[in-house]
N, C-alpha and C. Protein backbone atom coordinates (compact mmCIF):
# COMPACT_ATOMS: atom_id res chain seq x y z
N ARG A 1 140.67 -64.24 145.33
CA ARG A 1 139.28 -65.08 145.52
C ARG A 1 139.02 -66.47 145.51
N ALA A 2 139.53 -67.14 144.54
CA ALA A 2 139.28 -68.50 144.36
C ALA A 2 139.96 -69.24 145.69
N MET A 3 140.98 -68.73 145.95
CA MET A 3 141.06 -69.47 147.61
C MET A 3 140.24 -69.43 148.37
N GLU A 4 139.29 -68.23 148.58
CA GLU A 4 138.13 -68.56 149.48
C GLU A 4 136.84 -69.38 149.23
N VAL A 5 136.57 -69.82 148.12
CA VAL A 5 135.86 -70.98 147.64
C VAL A 5 136.18 -71.93 146.97
N ILE A 6 137.72 -72.82 147.13
CA ILE A 6 138.22 -73.43 146.66
C ILE A 6 137.54 -74.96 146.99
N GLN A 7 137.21 -74.90 148.14
CA GLN A 7 136.83 -75.87 149.03
C GLN A 7 135.28 -76.31 148.54
N SER A 8 134.47 -75.22 147.28
CA SER A 8 133.36 -75.37 146.91
C SER A 8 133.43 -76.04 145.79
N PHE A 9 134.71 -75.80 145.29
CA PHE A 9 135.10 -75.99 143.68
C PHE A 9 134.40 -77.30 143.40
N ARG A 10 134.11 -77.58 141.77
CA ARG A 10 134.06 -78.93 141.18
C ARG A 10 135.17 -79.26 140.28
N PRO A 11 135.63 -80.60 140.50
CA PRO A 11 136.80 -80.88 139.96
C PRO A 11 137.39 -80.21 138.83
N GLN A 12 136.30 -79.96 137.68
CA GLN A 12 137.05 -79.30 136.22
C GLN A 12 137.13 -77.70 136.70
N GLU A 13 136.24 -77.04 138.15
CA GLU A 13 136.94 -75.50 138.03
C GLU A 13 138.40 -75.44 138.82
N VAL A 14 138.55 -76.73 139.78
CA VAL A 14 140.20 -76.75 140.30
C VAL A 14 140.81 -76.80 139.09
N SER A 15 140.80 -77.49 138.53
CA SER A 15 141.74 -77.67 136.91
C SER A 15 141.77 -76.94 136.33
N ASN A 16 140.86 -76.09 136.08
CA ASN A 16 140.45 -74.71 135.02
C ASN A 16 141.54 -73.72 135.64
N THR A 17 141.17 -73.50 136.99
CA THR A 17 141.87 -72.37 137.75
C THR A 17 143.32 -72.54 137.70
N LEU A 18 143.59 -73.92 138.00
CA LEU A 18 145.27 -74.11 137.86
C LEU A 18 145.52 -73.59 136.16
N TRP A 19 144.94 -74.12 135.02
CA TRP A 19 145.23 -74.21 133.79
C TRP A 19 145.07 -72.37 133.76
N GLY A 20 144.23 -71.73 134.16
CA GLY A 20 144.34 -70.23 133.80
C GLY A 20 145.48 -69.47 134.61
N HIS A 21 146.05 -69.81 135.72
CA HIS A 21 147.08 -69.58 136.25
C HIS A 21 148.54 -70.03 135.35
N ALA A 22 148.17 -71.25 134.72
CA ALA A 22 149.76 -71.39 134.29
C ALA A 22 149.83 -70.76 132.94
N THR A 23 148.46 -70.86 132.23
CA THR A 23 148.66 -70.38 130.97
C THR A 23 148.64 -68.60 130.86
N LEU A 24 148.44 -67.95 132.05
CA LEU A 24 148.66 -66.25 131.72
C LEU A 24 150.19 -66.37 132.67
N GLY A 25 150.80 -67.41 133.23
CA GLY A 25 152.23 -67.60 133.68
C GLY A 25 151.94 -66.65 135.00
N TYR A 26 150.72 -66.44 135.74
CA TYR A 26 150.75 -66.15 136.93
C TYR A 26 151.15 -67.17 137.98
N PRO A 27 152.12 -66.73 138.74
CA PRO A 27 152.94 -67.57 139.89
C PRO A 27 152.09 -67.73 140.76
N LEU A 28 151.94 -68.78 141.29
CA LEU A 28 151.16 -69.01 142.80
C LEU A 28 152.50 -69.41 144.15
N ASP A 29 152.18 -68.86 144.91
CA ASP A 29 153.34 -68.79 146.36
C ASP A 29 152.80 -70.33 146.69
N SER A 30 153.99 -70.59 147.48
CA SER A 30 153.80 -72.38 147.80
C SER A 30 152.24 -72.86 148.85
N ALA A 31 152.02 -71.80 149.60
CA ALA A 31 150.83 -71.87 150.28
C ALA A 31 149.69 -71.68 149.59
N THR A 32 149.56 -71.09 148.53
CA THR A 32 148.54 -71.04 147.66
C THR A 32 148.57 -72.21 146.81
N LEU A 33 149.18 -72.53 146.09
CA LEU A 33 149.74 -74.21 145.44
C LEU A 33 149.47 -75.28 146.10
N GLU A 34 149.76 -75.37 147.21
CA GLU A 34 149.71 -76.25 148.29
C GLU A 34 148.37 -76.50 148.54
N GLU A 35 147.11 -75.59 148.71
CA GLU A 35 145.69 -75.14 149.08
C GLU A 35 145.22 -76.05 147.87
N TYR A 36 145.68 -75.73 146.50
CA TYR A 36 144.87 -76.22 145.34
C TYR A 36 145.40 -77.58 145.11
N LEU A 37 146.66 -78.19 145.51
CA LEU A 37 146.90 -79.68 145.59
C LEU A 37 146.06 -80.28 146.55
N ASN A 38 145.92 -79.55 147.96
CA ASN A 38 144.74 -80.35 148.95
C ASN A 38 143.68 -80.19 147.89
N ALA A 39 143.36 -79.46 147.40
CA ALA A 39 141.81 -79.54 146.59
C ALA A 39 141.96 -80.71 145.61
N VAL A 40 143.00 -80.68 144.71
CA VAL A 40 143.20 -81.56 143.95
C VAL A 40 142.93 -82.89 144.51
N HIS A 41 143.84 -83.58 145.81
CA HIS A 41 143.88 -84.51 146.06
C HIS A 41 142.91 -84.75 146.55
N GLN A 42 141.50 -84.15 147.32
CA GLN A 42 140.51 -84.40 147.86
C GLN A 42 139.51 -84.72 146.71
N ARG A 43 139.29 -84.39 145.47
CA ARG A 43 138.65 -84.77 144.70
C ARG A 43 139.37 -85.30 143.43
N ALA A 44 140.58 -85.96 143.85
CA ALA A 44 141.49 -86.91 142.73
C ALA A 44 140.35 -87.68 141.98
N CYS A 45 139.87 -88.53 142.29
CA CYS A 45 138.72 -89.58 141.29
C CYS A 45 138.05 -88.84 140.65
N CYS A 46 137.20 -87.52 141.27
CA CYS A 46 136.46 -86.71 140.56
C CYS A 46 137.26 -86.68 139.11
N VAL A 47 138.26 -85.68 139.36
CA VAL A 47 138.81 -85.32 138.41
C VAL A 47 139.41 -85.90 137.18
N ALA A 48 139.99 -87.07 137.57
CA ALA A 48 140.75 -88.41 137.08
C ALA A 48 139.47 -88.95 136.30
N ASN A 49 138.14 -88.75 136.28
CA ASN A 49 137.40 -89.41 135.58
C ASN A 49 136.54 -88.58 134.07
N GLN A 50 137.39 -87.49 134.15
CA GLN A 50 137.25 -86.52 132.71
C GLN A 50 138.69 -86.47 132.39
N ALA A 51 138.81 -86.93 130.85
CA ALA A 51 140.11 -86.44 130.19
C ALA A 51 140.57 -85.35 130.09
N GLN A 52 139.94 -84.53 129.38
CA GLN A 52 140.70 -83.05 129.39
C GLN A 52 140.86 -82.60 130.57
N PRO A 53 139.85 -82.48 131.61
CA PRO A 53 140.44 -81.56 132.82
C PRO A 53 141.74 -82.38 133.36
N LEU A 54 141.97 -83.58 133.33
CA LEU A 54 143.14 -84.29 133.71
C LEU A 54 144.12 -83.71 133.18
N ALA A 55 144.41 -83.79 131.86
CA ALA A 55 145.04 -83.43 131.23
C ALA A 55 145.78 -81.62 131.47
N ASN A 56 144.53 -80.84 131.39
CA ASN A 56 144.77 -79.82 132.18
C ASN A 56 145.53 -79.81 133.42
N LEU A 57 145.36 -80.23 134.13
CA LEU A 57 145.64 -80.16 135.38
C LEU A 57 147.10 -80.64 135.27
N LEU A 58 147.38 -81.65 134.68
CA LEU A 58 149.18 -82.06 134.74
C LEU A 58 149.47 -81.71 134.41
N TRP A 59 149.29 -80.57 132.90
CA TRP A 59 150.05 -79.69 132.28
C TRP A 59 150.05 -78.53 133.22
N ALA A 60 148.96 -77.85 133.61
CA ALA A 60 149.07 -76.67 134.83
C ALA A 60 150.23 -77.07 135.85
N LEU A 61 150.01 -77.95 136.72
CA LEU A 61 151.11 -78.25 137.38
C LEU A 61 152.48 -78.58 137.18
N THR A 62 152.59 -78.51 135.98
CA THR A 62 154.19 -78.95 135.48
C THR A 62 154.44 -77.39 134.74
N VAL A 63 153.88 -76.38 134.54
CA VAL A 63 154.06 -75.47 134.16
C VAL A 63 154.19 -74.57 135.50
N LEU A 64 153.22 -74.55 136.23
CA LEU A 64 153.28 -73.76 137.59
C LEU A 64 154.65 -74.02 138.56
N ASP A 65 155.26 -75.29 138.31
CA ASP A 65 156.22 -75.47 139.45
C ASP A 65 156.71 -76.67 138.94
N PRO A 66 157.45 -76.88 137.84
CA PRO A 66 158.26 -78.26 137.53
C PRO A 66 158.76 -79.12 138.40
N CYS A 67 158.97 -78.25 139.20
CA CYS A 67 159.97 -79.25 140.34
C CYS A 67 159.05 -80.36 141.33
N LEU A 68 157.66 -80.05 141.22
CA LEU A 68 156.82 -80.59 141.89
C LEU A 68 156.56 -82.20 141.76
N ILE A 69 156.86 -82.55 140.40
CA ILE A 69 156.78 -83.70 139.70
C ILE A 69 157.80 -84.65 140.31
N CYS A 70 158.80 -83.86 140.63
CA CYS A 70 159.92 -84.92 141.76
C CYS A 70 159.79 -84.53 143.17
N ASP A 71 158.60 -84.05 143.67
CA ASP A 71 158.47 -83.77 145.13
C ASP A 71 157.84 -85.15 145.49
N PRO A 72 158.83 -86.16 146.46
CA PRO A 72 158.24 -87.25 146.58
C PRO A 72 156.68 -87.01 147.57
N SER A 73 156.67 -85.86 148.17
CA SER A 73 155.02 -85.71 149.02
C SER A 73 153.69 -85.83 148.18
N ILE A 74 154.15 -85.35 147.10
CA ILE A 74 152.77 -85.16 146.10
C ILE A 74 152.76 -86.42 145.07
N GLY A 75 153.86 -87.46 145.17
CA GLY A 75 153.69 -88.57 144.53
C GLY A 75 153.32 -89.39 143.67
N PRO A 76 152.43 -89.60 145.35
CA PRO A 76 151.32 -90.70 145.07
C PRO A 76 150.12 -90.38 144.33
N LEU A 77 149.87 -88.59 144.37
CA LEU A 77 148.96 -87.99 143.90
C LEU A 77 148.87 -88.06 142.35
N LEU A 78 150.26 -87.92 142.20
CA LEU A 78 150.30 -87.61 140.40
C LEU A 78 150.38 -88.65 139.82
N LYS A 79 151.06 -90.06 140.73
CA LYS A 79 150.93 -91.38 140.25
C LYS A 79 149.31 -91.65 139.85
N LEU A 80 148.60 -91.40 140.84
CA LEU A 80 147.14 -91.65 140.51
C LEU A 80 146.41 -91.13 139.38
N LEU A 81 146.74 -89.76 139.02
CA LEU A 81 146.46 -88.71 138.03
C LEU A 81 147.01 -89.52 136.82
N TRP A 82 148.24 -89.95 136.93
CA TRP A 82 148.83 -90.38 135.30
C TRP A 82 148.25 -91.58 135.30
N ASP A 83 148.08 -92.60 136.21
CA ASP A 83 147.73 -94.01 135.95
C ASP A 83 145.99 -94.28 135.55
N LYS A 84 145.40 -92.84 135.81
CA LYS A 84 144.10 -92.47 134.79
C LYS A 84 144.03 -92.42 133.86
N CYS A 85 145.04 -92.10 133.32
CA CYS A 85 145.31 -91.31 131.96
C CYS A 85 144.99 -92.70 130.85
N ALA A 86 145.78 -93.75 131.63
CA ALA A 86 145.19 -94.74 130.88
C ALA A 86 144.00 -95.42 130.79
N ASP A 87 143.35 -95.68 131.45
CA ASP A 87 141.89 -95.51 131.75
C ASP A 87 141.13 -94.79 130.69
N LEU A 88 141.82 -93.61 130.52
CA LEU A 88 140.56 -92.68 129.97
C LEU A 88 141.05 -92.52 128.54
N ALA A 89 142.13 -93.33 127.55
CA ALA A 89 142.80 -93.11 126.54
C ALA A 89 141.72 -92.78 125.33
N ASP A 90 140.64 -93.41 125.30
CA ASP A 90 139.74 -93.31 124.36
C ASP A 90 139.05 -91.60 124.17
N ASP A 91 139.50 -90.98 125.57
CA ASP A 91 138.52 -90.27 125.54
C ASP A 91 139.51 -88.71 125.05
N PHE A 92 140.64 -89.09 125.14
CA PHE A 92 141.78 -87.68 124.82
C PHE A 92 141.57 -87.25 123.61
N THR A 93 141.21 -86.07 123.32
CA THR A 93 141.31 -85.26 122.32
C THR A 93 142.84 -84.55 121.61
N GLY A 94 143.06 -84.03 121.01
CA GLY A 94 144.30 -83.84 120.28
C GLY A 94 145.35 -82.73 121.10
N ILE A 95 144.65 -82.07 121.81
CA ILE A 95 145.48 -81.32 122.82
C ILE A 95 145.55 -81.61 124.23
N GLY A 96 144.87 -82.44 124.40
CA GLY A 96 144.86 -83.15 125.66
C GLY A 96 146.28 -84.16 125.58
N LEU A 97 146.17 -84.65 124.54
CA LEU A 97 147.45 -85.58 124.29
C LEU A 97 148.63 -84.69 124.19
N VAL A 98 148.80 -83.64 123.73
CA VAL A 98 150.20 -82.80 123.21
C VAL A 98 150.22 -82.48 124.92
N GLN A 99 149.22 -82.12 125.58
CA GLN A 99 149.46 -81.35 127.02
C GLN A 99 150.13 -82.64 128.01
N LEU A 100 149.51 -84.02 127.68
CA LEU A 100 150.16 -84.96 128.58
C LEU A 100 151.68 -85.01 128.05
N LEU A 101 151.72 -85.13 126.95
CA LEU A 101 153.67 -85.25 126.67
C LEU A 101 154.33 -84.25 126.90
N TYR A 102 153.58 -82.75 126.94
CA TYR A 102 154.43 -81.73 127.30
C TYR A 102 154.85 -81.85 128.83
N ALA A 103 153.86 -82.07 129.41
CA ALA A 103 153.93 -82.49 131.11
C ALA A 103 155.02 -83.43 131.55
N SER A 104 154.73 -84.92 130.71
CA SER A 104 155.74 -85.86 130.82
C SER A 104 157.18 -85.32 130.12
N ALA A 105 157.50 -84.64 129.38
CA ALA A 105 158.61 -84.18 128.84
C ALA A 105 159.30 -83.48 129.79
N SER A 106 158.49 -82.48 130.39
CA SER A 106 159.05 -81.39 131.45
C SER A 106 159.46 -82.51 132.52
N HIS A 107 158.77 -83.44 133.12
CA HIS A 107 159.23 -84.34 134.31
C HIS A 107 160.66 -84.74 133.57
N ALA A 108 160.92 -85.62 132.35
CA ALA A 108 162.07 -85.96 132.18
C ALA A 108 163.16 -85.43 132.29
N LEU A 109 162.69 -83.76 131.50
CA LEU A 109 164.18 -82.80 131.43
C LEU A 109 164.70 -82.16 132.89
N ILE A 110 163.42 -82.19 133.31
CA ILE A 110 163.83 -81.58 134.93
C ILE A 110 164.52 -82.46 135.89
N SER A 111 163.81 -84.13 135.63
CA SER A 111 164.42 -84.79 136.39
C SER A 111 165.82 -84.85 135.91
N GLU A 112 166.39 -85.17 134.88
CA GLU A 112 167.54 -85.12 134.43
C GLU A 112 168.29 -84.29 134.97
N ARG A 113 168.35 -82.89 134.84
CA ARG A 113 168.98 -81.78 135.64
C ARG A 113 169.40 -82.48 136.96
N ILE A 114 168.50 -82.91 137.79
CA ILE A 114 168.46 -83.46 138.81
C ILE A 114 169.23 -84.46 139.24
N ASP A 115 169.00 -85.67 138.55
CA ASP A 115 169.77 -86.60 138.75
C ASP A 115 170.61 -87.05 138.00
N ASN A 116 171.10 -86.34 136.76
CA ASN A 116 172.03 -86.68 135.42
C ASN A 116 171.59 -87.85 134.85
N VAL A 117 170.19 -88.58 134.64
CA VAL A 117 169.77 -89.75 134.47
C VAL A 117 168.87 -89.38 133.30
N ARG A 118 168.96 -89.51 131.62
CA ARG A 118 168.44 -89.26 130.56
C ARG A 118 167.10 -90.32 130.98
N ARG A 119 165.85 -89.41 130.57
CA ARG A 119 164.71 -90.51 130.79
C ARG A 119 163.98 -90.14 129.07
N PRO A 120 163.42 -91.24 128.51
CA PRO A 120 162.45 -90.97 127.03
C PRO A 120 161.80 -89.92 127.79
N LEU A 121 161.35 -88.65 126.79
CA LEU A 121 160.41 -87.70 127.05
C LEU A 121 158.79 -88.22 127.49
N ASP A 122 158.53 -89.30 126.84
CA ASP A 122 157.43 -89.24 127.14
C ASP A 122 157.05 -91.04 128.36
N VAL A 123 158.09 -90.22 129.13
CA VAL A 123 158.17 -91.50 130.21
C VAL A 123 157.31 -91.48 131.08
N LEU A 124 156.32 -90.36 131.53
CA LEU A 124 154.99 -90.76 132.15
C LEU A 124 153.78 -90.92 131.29
N VAL A 125 153.90 -90.62 130.26
CA VAL A 125 152.95 -90.92 129.19
C VAL A 125 152.24 -92.55 128.91
N PRO A 126 151.25 -92.89 129.72
CA PRO A 126 150.80 -94.23 129.82
C PRO A 126 151.17 -94.76 128.24
N GLU A 127 151.64 -95.93 128.12
CA GLU A 127 151.97 -96.97 126.94
C GLU A 127 150.82 -97.00 125.86
N ASN A 128 149.57 -96.98 126.53
CA ASN A 128 148.42 -96.82 125.22
C ASN A 128 148.35 -95.51 124.75
N LEU A 129 148.80 -94.52 124.98
CA LEU A 129 148.62 -93.12 124.45
C LEU A 129 150.03 -92.66 124.03
N ARG A 130 150.89 -93.46 124.24
CA ARG A 130 152.59 -92.90 123.33
C ARG A 130 152.04 -92.56 122.04
N ASP A 131 151.94 -93.19 121.53
CA ASP A 131 151.95 -93.45 119.91
C ASP A 131 150.95 -92.00 119.48
N ALA A 132 149.50 -91.94 120.15
CA ALA A 132 148.90 -91.16 119.49
C ALA A 132 149.16 -89.53 119.90
N ALA A 133 149.60 -89.65 120.74
CA ALA A 133 150.23 -88.45 121.51
C ALA A 133 151.22 -87.68 120.57
N TRP A 134 152.47 -88.70 120.32
CA TRP A 134 153.57 -88.27 119.64
C TRP A 134 152.92 -87.94 118.14
N LYS A 135 151.89 -88.36 117.56
CA LYS A 135 151.40 -88.45 116.56
C LYS A 135 150.66 -86.80 116.22
N ARG A 136 149.96 -86.87 117.17
CA ARG A 136 149.38 -85.32 117.54
C ARG A 136 150.40 -84.41 117.56
N CYS A 137 151.13 -84.67 118.34
CA CYS A 137 152.35 -83.59 118.50
C CYS A 137 152.79 -83.11 117.29
N HIS A 138 153.39 -84.15 116.42
CA HIS A 138 153.69 -83.76 115.14
C HIS A 138 153.11 -83.29 114.17
N ALA A 139 151.75 -83.64 114.39
CA ALA A 139 151.09 -82.79 113.39
C ALA A 139 150.40 -81.16 113.72
N SER A 140 150.95 -81.08 115.03
CA SER A 140 150.62 -79.45 115.09
C SER A 140 151.71 -78.89 114.79
N HIS A 141 152.87 -79.31 114.30
CA HIS A 141 153.93 -78.68 113.91
C HIS A 141 154.68 -79.69 112.75
N PRO A 142 153.97 -79.66 111.49
CA PRO A 142 154.50 -80.48 110.51
C PRO A 142 155.66 -79.65 109.90
N ASP A 143 156.37 -81.09 109.21
CA ASP A 143 157.73 -80.19 108.39
C ASP A 143 156.93 -79.34 107.17
N GLY A 144 157.92 -78.39 107.09
CA GLY A 144 157.05 -77.63 105.98
C GLY A 144 155.53 -76.61 106.35
N SER A 145 156.01 -76.62 107.58
CA SER A 145 154.73 -75.52 108.22
C SER A 145 154.68 -74.08 107.59
N LYS A 146 153.78 -73.69 107.70
CA LYS A 146 153.34 -72.32 106.94
C LYS A 146 154.70 -71.08 107.60
N VAL A 147 155.05 -70.52 106.73
CA VAL A 147 156.11 -69.56 107.34
C VAL A 147 155.47 -68.03 107.43
N SER A 148 154.73 -67.37 108.39
CA SER A 148 154.31 -66.17 108.48
C SER A 148 155.42 -65.35 107.53
N TYR A 149 154.96 -64.18 106.94
CA TYR A 149 155.55 -62.68 106.78
C TYR A 149 156.11 -62.10 107.79
N LEU A 150 155.55 -62.03 109.00
CA LEU A 150 156.38 -61.90 110.03
C LEU A 150 157.49 -62.47 110.65
N GLN A 151 157.52 -63.78 110.43
CA GLN A 151 158.57 -64.75 110.66
C GLN A 151 159.97 -64.08 109.35
N GLU A 152 159.09 -64.42 108.25
CA GLU A 152 160.49 -64.08 107.50
C GLU A 152 161.04 -62.61 107.81
N GLN A 153 160.56 -61.53 108.12
CA GLN A 153 160.75 -60.69 108.63
C GLN A 153 161.86 -60.33 109.49
N VAL A 154 161.75 -61.22 110.75
CA VAL A 154 162.57 -61.75 111.36
C VAL A 154 163.87 -62.33 111.43
N ARG A 155 163.49 -62.97 110.06
CA ARG A 155 164.52 -64.11 109.93
C ARG A 155 165.65 -63.21 108.93
N ASP A 156 164.95 -62.01 108.11
CA ASP A 156 166.09 -61.11 107.09
C ASP A 156 166.70 -60.66 108.30
N SER A 157 166.05 -59.85 109.77
CA SER A 157 166.46 -59.23 110.13
C SER A 157 167.76 -60.14 110.60
N VAL A 158 167.63 -61.13 111.08
CA VAL A 158 168.19 -61.74 111.99
C VAL A 158 169.99 -62.03 110.76
N ILE A 159 169.65 -62.49 109.92
CA ILE A 159 170.28 -62.53 108.69
C ILE A 159 171.14 -61.35 108.67
N SER A 160 170.52 -59.95 108.79
CA SER A 160 171.13 -58.58 108.59
C SER A 160 172.31 -58.47 109.40
N LEU A 161 172.43 -59.18 110.67
CA LEU A 161 173.29 -59.23 111.67
C LEU A 161 174.59 -60.13 111.27
N GLY A 162 174.15 -60.90 110.30
CA GLY A 162 175.55 -61.81 110.08
C GLY A 162 175.18 -63.08 110.68
N LEU A 163 174.07 -63.47 111.04
CA LEU A 163 173.69 -64.72 112.00
C LEU A 163 173.02 -65.77 110.72
N ALA A 164 173.46 -66.70 110.43
CA ALA A 164 172.84 -68.16 109.84
C ALA A 164 171.91 -68.78 111.01
N CYS A 165 170.80 -68.89 110.08
CA CYS A 165 169.66 -69.33 110.67
C CYS A 165 168.89 -70.28 109.90
N ASP A 166 167.57 -71.10 110.31
CA ASP A 166 167.00 -72.11 110.36
C ASP A 166 165.61 -71.62 110.50
N MET A 167 164.45 -72.08 109.61
CA MET A 167 163.16 -72.10 110.40
C MET A 167 162.50 -72.96 110.42
N GLU A 168 161.38 -73.02 111.29
CA GLU A 168 160.68 -74.25 111.60
C GLU A 168 161.69 -75.78 111.74
N VAL A 169 162.66 -74.94 112.76
CA VAL A 169 163.37 -76.60 113.28
C VAL A 169 162.49 -77.14 114.07
N GLN A 170 162.55 -78.63 114.10
CA GLN A 170 162.00 -79.47 115.35
C GLN A 170 163.24 -79.47 116.13
N VAL A 171 162.87 -79.14 117.67
CA VAL A 171 163.79 -79.47 118.72
C VAL A 171 163.35 -80.29 119.73
N VAL A 172 164.12 -80.84 120.45
CA VAL A 172 163.67 -81.57 121.84
C VAL A 172 163.02 -82.70 121.52
N ASP A 173 163.57 -83.78 120.50
CA ASP A 173 163.41 -85.08 120.06
C ASP A 173 161.79 -84.63 119.23
N GLY A 174 161.54 -83.71 118.66
CA GLY A 174 160.50 -83.08 117.74
C GLY A 174 159.43 -82.73 118.49
N LEU A 175 159.36 -82.45 119.95
CA LEU A 175 158.50 -82.09 120.56
C LEU A 175 157.87 -80.92 120.29
N LEU A 176 158.76 -80.07 119.69
CA LEU A 176 158.59 -78.40 119.60
C LEU A 176 159.05 -78.22 118.21
N SER A 177 158.43 -77.27 117.95
CA SER A 177 158.98 -76.43 116.13
C SER A 177 159.33 -75.05 116.46
N ALA A 178 160.36 -75.04 116.61
CA ALA A 178 161.34 -73.71 116.47
C ALA A 178 161.19 -72.71 115.16
N ASP A 179 160.47 -71.61 115.28
CA ASP A 179 160.29 -70.45 114.26
C ASP A 179 161.27 -70.36 113.69
N ILE A 180 162.46 -70.07 114.45
CA ILE A 180 163.91 -69.65 114.08
C ILE A 180 164.83 -70.31 114.94
N LEU A 181 165.87 -70.81 114.15
CA LEU A 181 166.80 -71.41 115.22
C LEU A 181 168.17 -70.37 114.74
N THR A 182 168.93 -69.99 115.71
CA THR A 182 170.51 -69.54 115.10
C THR A 182 171.22 -69.77 116.20
N THR A 183 172.86 -69.26 115.96
CA THR A 183 173.60 -69.39 117.05
C THR A 183 174.20 -68.16 117.64
N TRP A 184 174.22 -67.69 118.68
CA TRP A 184 175.02 -66.63 119.10
C TRP A 184 176.06 -66.84 119.99
N HIS A 185 176.99 -66.70 119.77
CA HIS A 185 178.51 -66.99 120.35
C HIS A 185 178.55 -68.34 121.17
N ASN A 186 178.40 -69.23 119.91
CA ASN A 186 178.10 -70.78 120.23
C ASN A 186 176.96 -71.55 121.06
N ILE A 187 176.25 -70.48 121.34
CA ILE A 187 175.17 -71.06 121.79
C ILE A 187 173.90 -71.25 120.99
N PRO A 188 173.39 -72.19 120.81
CA PRO A 188 171.85 -72.28 120.06
C PRO A 188 170.82 -71.12 121.18
N VAL A 189 170.07 -70.48 119.95
CA VAL A 189 169.03 -69.75 120.29
C VAL A 189 167.91 -69.92 119.58
N ILE A 190 166.70 -69.87 120.46
CA ILE A 190 165.41 -70.12 119.51
C ILE A 190 164.65 -68.96 119.61
N ILE A 191 164.07 -68.16 118.60
CA ILE A 191 163.17 -67.53 118.65
C ILE A 191 161.92 -67.75 118.05
N GLU A 192 160.93 -67.38 118.98
CA GLU A 192 159.61 -67.37 119.00
C GLU A 192 159.08 -66.44 118.44
N VAL A 193 158.19 -66.13 117.10
CA VAL A 193 157.49 -65.20 116.16
C VAL A 193 156.42 -65.25 116.78
N ASP A 194 155.57 -66.37 116.13
CA ASP A 194 154.19 -66.23 116.06
C ASP A 194 153.24 -66.53 117.37
N GLY A 195 154.24 -67.37 117.82
CA GLY A 195 153.05 -68.11 119.11
C GLY A 195 153.62 -67.95 120.65
């Protein structure tokens, strides 16, 4: 139904719809995603005037199709949106900052797989937002995070299998906190319990 009325969507509605697809893990076929991108492109200036819809949009595009970031055909649109983040620095909330950092980190990690060049995880985050984004990210999973009873039960089950494990381990340069980290046949395994 959304595709039937997308041309009448306000910028935040386009952003929210893509965010909803990404949050639910509902993939979009390439034709549908292209329709959304066209709608975003037509409304880019409007979307980019509001911090939270902009953060939602950049995060959603990354989750829906991480390779989009490396697609030269939409590069100018994404550059416009990322540049606008710098102009709206004072308007970003904590979750918006974390979304920008996650979107940028996805770009860095996916690009590295493509061209074998390591980039800083915050490579796309405007310089005037980087410190605040990292600070907010670290605040969302501080050292000594509360461990749930369920998490302790899962840890005990892992240990009963003869595997050593650690809880609340910061990974990906501190970007994420793993509930449980263990190793299976020399391969690190993260077990997400509560989130």
